[in-house]
């Protein structure tokens, strides 16, 4: 029987480098919905404004900001993610991607008009340091924007996987969410922590979106690629995945729509803070 009582591994650089292409294909279609919502709720960006995107992944927020005319610095600790970011930001003069630890940013303080983290800082081992670094990097009067999942178990296929896993392995212990997700999943917790990190004012908005695909068969046919992003699934052997398969299909089928497509609702908290002048 599997025992996965450890936290989900979110600080394994090699793993995230290997997963960049899968992340872009299967996770970004969900995260980009909230990245664009965060940009809009923050009031957008003006031509030439400096924008920082911490834990940028493959660029959902960074690209939206660059397309709007901002000069973007996209950072991620994974060289694989950063290589993809560089390729995608190449057409935008003044924008760049750099490998960097979001808990100790190698940037001058007070230099960015807006600093974002879309589902990034919440995963950091030292997430409060990551929040404080976002604020430090932002100029006085500038904006600090964070997006976190409202469900501490995440969004997209992950809650479906956990539902199926608990049924397939009733005696196994599933990993708890990363500590930051457990605190920041509530609007009250997110607001309090951003104020504690140095924001002078914070407004939190609930935003709805969805993950899915054209059919149950399509998702199940790609399930290994989709769920390789989740350490709990990646650690299973072939027997464990076979045991899980039918229950996972049932969980996905429960989200199927009359036309055959699959829609898995997701809600995020998007917090817009401002650094005191």
Protein backbone atom coordinates (compact mmCIF):
# COMPACT_ATOMS: atom_id res chain seq x y z
CA UNK A 1 0.00 0.00 0.00
CA UNK A 2 1.45 3.40 -0.91
CA UNK A 3 2.28 5.83 1.87
CA UNK A 4 2.67 9.39 0.61
CA UNK A 5 2.47 11.29 3.86
CA UNK A 6 5.20 13.77 2.89
CA UNK A 7 4.40 17.22 1.50
CA UNK A 8 4.10 17.52 -2.25
CA UNK A 9 7.59 18.28 -3.52
CA UNK A 10 7.57 21.78 -4.95
CA UNK A 11 11.25 22.63 -4.56
CA UNK A 12 12.78 19.93 -6.78
CA UNK A 13 14.48 21.96 -9.52
CA UNK A 14 15.23 19.02 -11.82
CA UNK A 15 11.64 17.81 -11.67
CA UNK A 16 10.19 21.16 -12.70
CA UNK A 17 12.73 21.49 -15.51
CA UNK A 18 11.58 18.14 -16.89
CA UNK A 19 7.94 19.09 -16.50
CA UNK A 20 7.99 22.43 -18.36
CA UNK A 21 6.41 21.13 -21.58
CA UNK A 22 3.70 19.20 -19.73
CA UNK A 23 2.97 22.23 -17.58
CA UNK A 24 2.53 24.49 -20.57
CA UNK A 25 0.17 22.08 -22.30
CA UNK A 26 -1.98 20.91 -19.39
CA UNK A 27 -1.73 23.48 -16.59
CA UNK A 28 -1.32 26.80 -18.35
CA UNK A 29 -4.78 26.69 -20.02
CA UNK A 30 -6.16 26.87 -16.46
CA UNK A 31 -3.69 29.30 -14.92
CA UNK A 32 -3.85 31.76 -17.82
CA UNK A 33 -7.52 32.42 -17.03
CA UNK A 34 -6.56 33.69 -13.59
CA UNK A 35 -3.39 35.43 -14.75
CA UNK A 36 -5.40 37.59 -17.14
CA UNK A 37 -8.01 38.21 -14.44
CA UNK A 38 -5.25 39.29 -12.04
CA UNK A 39 -3.86 41.71 -14.62
CA UNK A 40 -7.31 43.18 -15.19
CA UNK A 41 -8.18 43.47 -11.49
CA UNK A 42 -4.86 45.22 -10.91
CA UNK A 43 -5.89 47.89 -13.41
CA UNK A 44 -3.78 46.57 -16.26
CA UNK A 45 -0.34 47.88 -17.13
CA UNK A 46 0.77 50.92 -19.06
CA UNK A 47 3.31 51.03 -21.86
CA UNK A 48 6.81 50.78 -20.42
CA UNK A 49 5.84 49.91 -16.85
CA UNK A 50 8.16 47.50 -15.07
CA UNK A 51 6.47 44.24 -14.08
CA UNK A 52 7.92 41.40 -12.01
CA UNK A 53 6.48 37.88 -12.30
CA UNK A 54 7.75 35.53 -9.58
CA UNK A 55 7.50 31.76 -10.09
CA UNK A 56 6.36 32.56 -13.63
CA UNK A 57 6.14 28.97 -14.85
CA UNK A 58 5.87 28.97 -18.63
CA UNK A 59 4.61 32.55 -18.79
CA UNK A 60 0.84 32.92 -18.46
CA UNK A 61 1.09 36.27 -16.65
CA UNK A 62 4.41 37.40 -18.09
CA UNK A 63 3.19 37.09 -21.67
CA UNK A 64 -0.08 38.90 -20.97
CA UNK A 65 1.80 41.79 -19.37
CA UNK A 66 4.41 41.93 -22.15
CA UNK A 67 1.68 41.91 -24.79
CA UNK A 68 0.13 44.91 -23.02
CA UNK A 69 3.42 46.82 -23.33
CA UNK A 70 5.09 46.25 -19.97
CA UNK A 71 8.79 45.55 -19.53
CA UNK A 72 8.63 42.20 -17.76
CA UNK A 73 11.17 40.36 -15.65
CA UNK A 74 9.89 36.77 -15.38
CA UNK A 75 11.64 34.65 -12.77
CA UNK A 76 11.49 30.97 -11.91
CA UNK A 77 13.82 28.62 -10.05
CA UNK A 78 13.61 26.00 -12.82
CA UNK A 79 16.04 26.42 -15.75
CA UNK A 80 13.60 24.47 -17.93
CA UNK A 81 10.80 26.92 -17.22
CA UNK A 82 13.16 29.88 -17.73
CA UNK A 83 14.36 28.53 -21.09
CA UNK A 84 10.75 28.37 -22.28
CA UNK A 85 10.05 31.83 -20.86
CA UNK A 86 13.01 33.27 -22.77
CA UNK A 87 11.73 31.80 -26.03
CA UNK A 88 8.24 33.19 -25.50
CA UNK A 89 9.37 36.64 -24.32
CA UNK A 90 11.94 37.08 -27.09
CA UNK A 91 9.60 39.15 -29.33
CA UNK A 92 9.04 41.73 -26.56
CA UNK A 93 11.78 44.33 -26.25
CA UNK A 94 12.69 45.10 -22.66
CA UNK A 95 11.34 41.82 -21.30
CA UNK A 96 13.52 38.98 -20.02
CA UNK A 97 13.50 35.76 -18.03
CA UNK A 98 16.00 34.83 -15.33
CA UNK A 99 16.47 31.84 -13.06
CA UNK A 100 16.02 33.07 -9.52
CA UNK A 101 14.97 31.98 -6.03
CA UNK A 102 11.70 33.78 -5.30
CA UNK A 103 12.50 33.60 -1.57
CA UNK A 104 15.64 35.74 -2.12
CA UNK A 105 15.16 37.77 -5.29
CA UNK A 106 18.30 39.10 -6.95
CA UNK A 107 16.67 42.44 -7.79
CA UNK A 108 17.02 45.96 -6.46
CA UNK A 109 14.30 46.91 -4.03
CA UNK A 110 11.58 49.40 -4.92
CA UNK A 111 12.01 49.16 -8.70
CA UNK A 112 8.86 47.50 -10.10
CA UNK A 113 5.54 49.17 -10.78
CA UNK A 114 3.71 45.87 -10.24
CA UNK A 115 4.90 42.56 -8.80
CA UNK A 116 2.89 39.38 -9.40
CA UNK A 117 2.86 35.80 -8.20
CA UNK A 118 0.17 33.64 -9.78
CA UNK A 119 0.01 30.31 -7.88
CA UNK A 120 3.72 30.54 -7.13
CA UNK A 121 4.64 32.01 -3.73
CA UNK A 122 1.94 29.90 -2.07
CA UNK A 123 4.06 26.81 -2.85
CA UNK A 124 7.37 28.10 -1.50
CA UNK A 125 8.86 26.33 1.51
CA UNK A 126 9.43 29.81 3.01
CA UNK A 127 6.35 31.43 1.55
CA UNK A 128 6.29 34.40 3.93
CA UNK A 129 9.77 35.31 2.74
CA UNK A 130 8.49 35.08 -0.82
CA UNK A 131 5.64 37.48 -0.04
CA UNK A 132 8.01 39.91 1.66
CA UNK A 133 10.31 39.77 -1.38
CA UNK A 134 7.41 40.68 -3.69
CA UNK A 135 6.73 43.74 -1.57
CA UNK A 136 10.43 44.67 -1.29
CA UNK A 137 10.84 44.61 -5.07
CA UNK A 138 7.87 46.93 -5.64
CA UNK A 139 8.21 50.71 -5.73
CA UNK A 140 6.37 52.80 -3.12
CA UNK A 141 2.80 53.23 -4.36
CA UNK A 142 3.16 50.21 -6.66
CA UNK A 143 0.95 47.14 -6.77
CA UNK A 144 1.54 43.68 -5.31
CA UNK A 145 -0.68 40.96 -6.76
CA UNK A 146 -1.06 37.35 -5.67
CA UNK A 147 -3.30 34.52 -6.85
CA UNK A 148 -3.93 31.45 -4.71
CA UNK A 149 -6.29 28.51 -5.02
CA UNK A 150 -9.43 28.66 -2.85
CA UNK A 151 -9.21 24.89 -2.43
CA UNK A 152 -6.10 24.00 -0.37
CA UNK A 153 -5.77 20.81 -2.45
CA UNK A 154 -5.31 22.87 -5.60
CA UNK A 155 -7.34 22.89 -8.80
CA UNK A 156 -7.72 21.20 -12.16
CA UNK A 157 -7.15 17.45 -12.06
CA UNK A 158 -5.45 17.38 -8.66
CA UNK A 159 -8.59 17.28 -6.45
CA UNK A 160 -10.03 14.58 -8.76
CA UNK A 161 -6.84 12.57 -8.36
CA UNK A 162 -6.96 12.86 -4.58
CA UNK A 163 -10.63 11.80 -4.55
CA UNK A 164 -9.86 8.70 -6.62
CA UNK A 165 -6.66 7.95 -4.67
CA UNK A 166 -8.45 7.90 -1.31
CA UNK A 167 -10.98 5.43 -2.69
CA UNK A 168 -8.35 3.24 -4.35
CA UNK A 169 -6.05 3.20 -1.30
CA UNK A 170 -8.32 3.72 1.73
CA UNK A 171 -5.56 2.96 4.22
CA UNK A 172 -2.99 5.29 2.67
CA UNK A 173 -2.18 8.76 3.94
CA UNK A 174 -2.40 11.50 1.32
CA UNK A 175 0.07 14.36 1.59
CA UNK A 176 -1.13 17.55 3.26
CA UNK A 177 -1.12 20.71 1.17
CA UNK A 178 1.99 22.88 1.29
CA UNK A 179 1.72 25.11 4.38
CA UNK A 180 1.35 28.28 2.35
CA UNK A 181 -1.64 26.92 0.47
CA UNK A 182 -3.34 25.96 3.73
CA UNK A 183 -3.10 29.54 5.01
CA UNK A 184 -3.58 31.49 1.78
CA UNK A 185 -6.59 29.52 0.51
CA UNK A 186 -8.92 31.75 2.53
CA UNK A 187 -9.50 35.40 1.55
CA UNK A 188 -9.02 36.40 5.18
CA UNK A 189 -5.73 34.54 5.49
CA UNK A 190 -4.42 35.92 2.20
CA UNK A 191 -5.31 39.49 3.11
CA UNK A 192 -3.81 39.24 6.59
CA UNK A 193 -0.55 37.79 5.30
CA UNK A 194 -0.17 40.42 2.58
CA UNK A 195 -0.73 43.17 5.11
CA UNK A 196 1.83 41.46 7.35
CA UNK A 197 4.30 41.35 4.44
CA UNK A 198 4.17 45.13 4.12
CA UNK A 199 1.22 46.02 1.89
CA UNK A 200 -0.66 49.10 3.08
CA UNK A 201 -4.01 48.06 1.64
CA UNK A 202 -5.32 44.80 0.17
CA UNK A 203 -8.50 43.80 -1.66
CA UNK A 204 -9.23 40.13 -2.33
CA UNK A 205 -11.48 38.96 -5.19
CA UNK A 206 -12.91 35.48 -5.79
CA UNK A 207 -12.55 34.52 -9.47
CA UNK A 208 -14.02 31.43 -11.09
CA UNK A 209 -12.54 29.43 -13.95
CA UNK A 210 -12.37 25.84 -15.16
CA UNK A 211 -10.00 23.11 -16.32
CA UNK A 212 -11.02 20.37 -18.72
CA UNK A 213 -10.86 18.91 -22.19
CA UNK A 214 -12.91 17.86 -25.20
CA UNK A 215 -13.88 14.47 -23.76
CA UNK A 216 -13.33 11.99 -20.96
CA UNK A 217 -11.52 9.69 -23.38
CA UNK A 218 -9.17 12.48 -24.44
CA UNK A 219 -8.20 13.26 -20.86
CA UNK A 220 -7.82 9.61 -19.88
CA UNK A 221 -5.71 8.99 -22.97
CA UNK A 222 -3.30 11.68 -21.80
CA UNK A 223 -3.64 11.09 -18.07
CA UNK A 224 -0.02 10.09 -17.49
CA UNK A 225 1.20 13.34 -19.05
CA UNK A 226 -1.40 15.39 -17.19
CA UNK A 227 -0.76 13.88 -13.78
CA UNK A 228 3.01 13.59 -14.02
CA UNK A 229 2.85 17.14 -12.66
CA UNK A 230 1.58 15.69 -9.36
CA UNK A 231 4.22 13.87 -7.25
CA UNK A 232 1.60 11.60 -5.66
CA UNK A 233 0.71 10.15 -9.08
CA UNK A 234 4.26 10.21 -10.45
CA UNK A 235 5.38 8.01 -7.54
CA UNK A 236 2.89 5.22 -8.33
CA UNK A 237 4.07 2.08 -10.12
CA UNK A 238 2.12 0.56 -13.03
CA UNK A 239 -0.01 -1.58 -10.71
CA UNK A 240 -0.93 1.43 -8.60
CA UNK A 241 -1.91 3.45 -11.66
CA UNK A 242 -4.02 0.57 -12.97
CA UNK A 243 -5.80 0.34 -9.62
CA UNK A 244 -6.50 4.05 -9.75
CA UNK A 245 -7.58 4.26 -13.40
CA UNK A 246 -11.27 3.29 -13.15
CA UNK A 247 -11.91 5.52 -10.15
CA UNK A 248 -10.13 8.40 -11.82
CA UNK A 249 -12.25 7.97 -14.95
CA UNK A 250 -15.38 8.01 -12.80
CA UNK A 251 -14.28 11.26 -11.14
CA UNK A 252 -13.67 12.87 -14.53
CA UNK A 253 -16.97 11.52 -15.92
CA UNK A 254 -18.79 13.26 -13.07
CA UNK A 255 -17.56 16.56 -14.56
CA UNK A 256 -18.63 15.75 -18.14
CA UNK A 257 -21.10 18.10 -19.82
CA UNK A 258 -24.00 17.12 -22.12
CA UNK A 259 -21.98 17.88 -25.25
CA UNK A 260 -19.21 15.51 -24.20
CA UNK A 261 -16.67 18.03 -22.96
CA UNK A 262 -15.28 17.98 -19.45
CA UNK A 263 -15.38 21.05 -17.21
CA UNK A 264 -13.83 21.00 -13.75
CA UNK A 265 -14.66 24.26 -11.92
CA UNK A 266 -11.90 26.10 -10.08
CA UNK A 267 -11.90 29.18 -7.87
CA UNK A 268 -8.97 31.42 -7.04
CA UNK A 269 -8.41 34.27 -4.62
CA UNK A 270 -6.78 37.21 -6.35
CA UNK A 271 -5.38 39.78 -3.96
CA UNK A 272 -4.46 43.29 -5.08
CA UNK A 273 -2.22 45.08 -2.62
CA UNK A 274 -0.46 48.43 -2.68
CA UNK A 275 2.88 49.26 -1.15
CA UNK A 276 2.76 52.33 1.08
CA UNK A 277 4.40 55.48 -0.28
